[in-house]
Protein backbone atom coordinates (compact mmCIF):
# COMPACT_ATOMS: atom_id res chain seq x y z
CA MET A 1 45.69 134.74 112.93
CA LEU A 2 44.95 131.38 111.22
CA LYS A 3 42.67 130.29 114.03
CA LEU A 4 40.61 133.53 113.64
CA SER A 5 40.20 132.97 109.86
CA ARG A 6 38.99 129.47 110.44
CA SER A 7 36.39 130.79 113.00
CA ALA A 8 35.31 133.36 110.63
CA LEU A 9 34.95 130.81 107.81
CA LEU A 10 32.95 128.52 110.03
CA LEU A 11 30.74 131.47 111.12
CA GLY A 12 30.23 132.39 107.48
CA ALA A 13 29.30 128.87 106.50
CA CYS A 14 26.70 128.80 109.35
CA VAL A 15 25.20 132.05 108.34
CA LEU A 16 24.76 130.79 104.73
CA ALA A 17 23.48 127.54 105.74
CA VAL A 18 20.46 128.94 107.69
CA PRO A 19 18.78 130.58 104.78
CA LEU A 20 19.39 127.52 102.52
CA ALA A 21 17.70 125.26 105.07
CA GLY A 22 14.62 127.50 105.00
CA CYS A 23 14.50 127.22 101.23
CA ALA A 24 14.38 123.37 101.32
CA LYS A 25 11.12 123.45 103.29
CA ASP A 26 9.24 125.10 100.50
CA ARG A 27 10.04 122.34 98.03
CA VAL A 28 7.72 119.89 99.87
CA LYS A 29 4.65 122.09 99.03
CA GLY A 30 4.84 121.57 95.29
CA GLY A 31 6.61 118.33 95.15
CA ASP A 32 6.12 115.09 96.97
CA THR A 33 3.80 114.53 100.02
CA ALA A 34 5.79 115.10 103.24
CA TYR A 35 6.52 111.76 105.09
CA VAL A 36 4.41 111.24 108.13
CA ALA A 37 4.29 107.67 109.34
CA ARG A 38 0.75 106.40 109.53
CA ASP A 39 -1.00 103.06 109.63
CA VAL A 40 -2.11 101.77 106.39
CA SER A 41 -5.93 102.07 106.92
CA THR A 42 -5.70 105.61 108.08
CA LEU A 43 -3.65 106.67 105.03
CA TYR A 44 -5.81 104.86 102.60
CA SER A 45 -9.00 106.33 104.13
CA ALA A 46 -7.55 109.81 103.90
CA ALA A 47 -6.64 109.23 100.20
CA LYS A 48 -10.07 107.84 99.51
CA ARG A 49 -11.85 110.74 101.26
CA THR A 50 -9.70 113.30 99.27
CA MET A 51 -10.60 111.57 96.06
CA ASP A 52 -14.25 111.59 96.92
CA GLN A 53 -14.02 115.34 97.52
CA GLY A 54 -12.73 115.72 93.92
CA ASP A 55 -9.06 116.65 94.76
CA TYR A 56 -7.66 113.93 92.35
CA GLU A 57 -4.06 115.28 92.33
CA ARG A 58 -3.71 115.13 96.10
CA ALA A 59 -5.45 111.75 96.21
CA ALA A 60 -3.04 110.23 93.72
CA LYS A 61 -0.17 111.50 95.82
CA LEU A 62 -1.77 109.96 99.02
CA PHE A 63 -2.32 106.70 97.33
CA ASP A 64 1.27 106.70 96.22
CA GLU A 65 2.18 107.21 99.80
CA VAL A 66 0.23 104.20 100.93
CA GLU A 67 2.35 102.22 98.48
CA ARG A 68 5.57 103.94 99.65
CA GLN A 69 4.96 103.34 103.36
CA HIS A 70 3.38 99.88 103.11
CA PRO A 71 4.82 98.24 100.04
CA TYR A 72 4.13 94.64 100.90
CA SER A 73 0.60 95.10 102.28
CA SER A 74 -2.56 94.09 100.45
CA TRP A 75 -3.42 97.84 100.46
CA ALA A 76 -0.39 98.66 98.23
CA THR A 77 -1.97 97.00 95.17
CA LYS A 78 -5.34 98.74 95.87
CA ALA A 79 -3.58 101.98 96.32
CA GLN A 80 -1.72 101.59 93.15
CA LEU A 81 -5.01 101.10 91.17
CA MET A 82 -6.59 103.99 92.94
CA SER A 83 -3.58 106.28 92.17
CA ALA A 84 -3.90 105.35 88.50
CA TYR A 85 -7.67 106.06 88.55
CA SER A 86 -7.12 109.49 90.44
CA SER A 87 -4.68 110.40 87.62
CA TYR A 88 -7.12 109.29 84.91
CA LYS A 89 -9.98 111.26 86.50
CA ARG A 90 -7.86 114.51 86.48
CA GLY A 91 -6.92 113.90 82.85
CA ASP A 92 -3.29 112.86 83.45
CA TYR A 93 -3.48 109.77 81.21
CA ASP A 94 0.35 109.25 81.06
CA GLY A 95 0.41 109.52 84.82
CA ALA A 96 -2.21 106.84 85.00
CA ILE A 97 -0.28 104.52 82.84
CA VAL A 98 3.01 105.10 84.80
CA ALA A 99 1.11 104.47 88.03
CA LEU A 100 0.20 100.99 86.75
CA ASP A 101 3.46 100.19 85.26
CA PRO A 102 6.24 101.64 87.47
CA GLY A 103 9.03 100.31 85.21
CA ARG A 104 7.96 102.74 82.47
CA SER A 105 8.70 106.46 82.80
CA GLU A 106 6.46 109.19 81.45
CA ASP A 107 9.26 110.19 78.94
CA ALA A 108 9.29 106.78 77.36
CA PRO A 109 7.51 106.45 73.84
């Protein structure tokens, strides 16, 4: 009988885990950019093209992605500046400051 209850518990846990895994996928849409490994020039070009089209919020996220995936490249500094500029263009002045000074948080005075 103990073996049956363990099996039922395991089955119940699996049944509950599937819907929760489906919910985790939806958080990527509104949150961070999904991680897709790309070379630095392709990623930077996509961010620049997005900014040129006027989608400053997405462009800032893509420039942040350049910095995240290639932190020690010469493109990382350019991407940091462009992320700040994209934030500035969309009116997010606090976000622009934070993009230029990662040690400072938006909640700090």
